[in-house]
Protein backbone atom coordinates (compact mmCIF):
# COMPACT_ATOMS: atom_id res chain seq x y z
CA MET A 1 -9.46 -87.57 -83.37
CA LEU A 2 -11.89 -85.14 -81.76
CA GLY A 3 -15.23 -86.84 -83.41
CA ILE A 4 -14.39 -85.97 -86.56
CA ASN A 5 -14.82 -88.13 -89.50
CA GLY A 6 -13.13 -88.23 -92.80
CA PRO A 7 -15.37 -86.10 -95.35
CA GLU A 8 -15.59 -83.61 -92.45
CA PHE A 9 -11.37 -83.69 -91.91
CA ILE A 10 -11.44 -83.01 -95.79
CA LEU A 11 -13.83 -80.15 -96.13
CA LEU A 12 -11.58 -78.47 -92.69
CA LEU A 13 -8.40 -79.17 -94.86
CA ILE A 14 -10.27 -77.32 -98.62
CA ILE A 15 -11.39 -74.24 -96.74
CA GLY A 16 -8.16 -73.83 -94.22
CA VAL A 17 -6.32 -73.97 -97.92
CA LEU A 18 -8.98 -71.18 -99.65
CA VAL A 19 -8.45 -69.40 -96.12
CA ILE A 20 -4.50 -69.25 -95.69
CA GLY A 21 -4.12 -69.41 -99.25
CA PRO A 22 -1.25 -71.30 -101.32
CA SER A 23 1.94 -68.79 -100.36
CA ARG A 24 1.09 -69.38 -96.65
CA LEU A 25 0.46 -72.43 -96.38
CA PRO A 26 3.78 -74.23 -96.20
CA GLU A 27 4.63 -71.34 -93.16
CA TYR A 28 1.54 -72.63 -91.39
CA THR A 29 2.42 -77.10 -92.33
CA GLN A 30 5.81 -76.02 -90.93
CA LYS A 31 4.58 -74.17 -87.23
CA LEU A 32 2.05 -77.19 -87.36
CA ALA A 33 4.59 -79.56 -87.46
CA ASN A 34 6.65 -78.25 -84.82
CA LEU A 35 3.80 -77.95 -82.59
CA VAL A 36 3.56 -81.58 -82.79
CA LYS A 37 6.52 -82.08 -82.37
CA GLU A 38 7.22 -79.55 -79.02
CA VAL A 39 3.98 -81.64 -77.89
CA ARG A 40 5.23 -85.14 -78.32
CA ARG A 41 8.71 -84.20 -76.65
CA MET A 42 6.58 -82.60 -73.71
CA ALA A 43 4.64 -85.66 -74.15
CA SER A 44 7.65 -88.05 -73.43
CA GLY A 45 9.66 -85.61 -70.97
CA ALA A 46 6.86 -86.05 -68.37
CA ARG A 47 6.69 -89.86 -69.09
CA GLU A 48 10.19 -90.00 -68.11
CA GLN A 49 9.82 -87.55 -64.81
CA ILE A 50 6.81 -89.94 -63.82
CA LYS A 51 9.26 -92.56 -64.22
CA GLU A 52 12.37 -90.89 -62.05
CA GLU A 53 9.59 -89.78 -59.46
CA VAL A 54 7.21 -92.46 -58.74
CA GLY A 55 9.44 -95.06 -60.10
CA ILE A 56 7.52 -97.22 -62.00
CA ASP A 57 6.97 -97.39 -65.59
CA ILE A 58 3.80 -95.85 -66.94
CA ASP A 59 3.11 -98.96 -69.35
CA GLU A 60 3.51 -101.23 -66.60
CA VAL A 61 0.46 -99.97 -64.77
CA ASP A 62 -2.68 -101.89 -64.39
CA TRP A 63 -5.06 -98.68 -65.56
CA LYS A 64 -8.20 -100.71 -65.24
CA LYS A 65 -7.39 -101.59 -60.74
CA TYR A 66 -7.71 -97.59 -60.84
CA ASP A 67 -11.00 -97.29 -62.77
CA PRO A 68 -13.37 -95.72 -60.43
CA ARG A 69 -16.59 -97.99 -62.84
CA GLN A 70 -15.33 -100.94 -60.76
CA TYR A 71 -16.20 -99.86 -57.50
CA ASP A 72 -19.94 -101.41 -56.60
CA PRO A 73 -19.84 -99.84 -52.54
CA ARG A 74 -22.64 -102.63 -52.06
CA ARG A 75 -20.14 -105.77 -53.10
CA ILE A 76 -17.31 -103.96 -50.72
CA ILE A 77 -19.56 -104.31 -48.61
CA LYS A 78 -20.68 -108.07 -49.31
CA ASP A 79 -17.26 -108.86 -49.22
CA ALA A 80 -16.06 -106.88 -45.48
CA LEU A 81 -18.96 -107.97 -43.82
CA LEU A 82 -18.67 -111.53 -45.22
CA ASP A 83 -14.87 -112.39 -45.31
CA ASP A 84 -13.63 -114.40 -42.51
CA ASP A 85 -11.44 -113.16 -40.15
CA THR A 86 -11.22 -115.90 -37.69
CA LYS A 87 -7.72 -118.53 -37.76
CA PRO A 88 -7.18 -121.79 -38.28
CA VAL A 89 -6.63 -123.22 -34.84
CA SER A 90 -3.45 -125.12 -34.24
CA ALA A 91 -1.87 -127.20 -31.97
CA GLY A 92 -0.65 -124.28 -29.82
CA ALA A 93 -4.00 -122.95 -29.72
CA PRO A 94 -4.81 -123.09 -25.83
CA VAL A 95 -1.24 -121.44 -24.91
CA ALA A 96 -1.90 -119.06 -27.34
CA ALA A 97 -5.65 -117.90 -25.60
CA ALA A 98 -3.62 -118.12 -22.10
CA THR A 99 -0.50 -115.33 -23.78
CA ALA A 100 -3.66 -113.35 -25.27
CA ALA A 101 -5.30 -113.66 -21.57
CA VAL A 102 -2.34 -112.58 -19.69
CA ALA A 103 -1.64 -109.88 -22.69
CA ALA A 104 -5.37 -108.71 -21.98
CA ASP A 105 -4.64 -107.88 -18.29
CA THR A 106 -1.09 -106.47 -18.91
CA LYS A 107 -2.96 -103.18 -21.13
CA PRO A 108 -2.09 -99.91 -20.43
CA LYS A 109 -5.23 -98.21 -18.87
CA ALA A 110 -6.80 -95.31 -19.84
CA PRO A 111 -5.98 -92.26 -18.48
CA VAL A 112 -8.66 -90.75 -16.78
CA ARG A 113 -10.13 -87.38 -18.34
CA VAL A 114 -10.82 -84.25 -16.17
CA ILE A 115 -13.60 -81.91 -17.04
CA GLU A 116 -13.38 -78.41 -15.57
CA ARG A 117 -16.52 -77.20 -14.99
CA LEU A 118 -16.84 -73.65 -13.91
CA ALA A 119 -17.97 -72.74 -10.51
CA GLU A 120 -21.63 -71.62 -10.28
CA GLY A 121 -23.15 -68.27 -11.05
CA GLU A 122 -19.28 -67.72 -12.93
CA ALA A 123 -19.29 -66.19 -16.16
CA ALA A 124 -17.74 -67.99 -19.26
CA PRO A 125 -14.43 -66.32 -20.53
CA PHE A 126 -14.79 -63.71 -23.04
CA ASP A 127 -12.47 -63.39 -26.26
CA THR A 128 -13.18 -59.72 -27.79
CA GLU A 129 -10.45 -60.50 -30.32
CA ALA A 130 -12.28 -64.14 -31.34
CA THR A 131 -15.50 -61.76 -32.44
């Protein structure tokens, strides 16, 4: 609880009782109780809102999966490089290879990029509003 151990908490309570005084202590205790109730109500409301909007319950989420400390870039790269992307050869492999060759020939060609150049000695356009 905020890094406060037992004896420190008791000392803070004693100082609080002395500063507040016994006459106002019930009033401040009631305010603290209302504050705790309000915080709990807000937390449960947020939990319900997340459940409605996202469609999952917070208790069902595997938080370890989202822990950033588990991501090791070296391991991720090594796994990606060693990942076997080849598919097993099946009985219909020659047919699949022929189909892939036909599909490669019918790929749409990339459009030719036209680069417009200024004529030699022509000044580049200047926009006075851009500066």
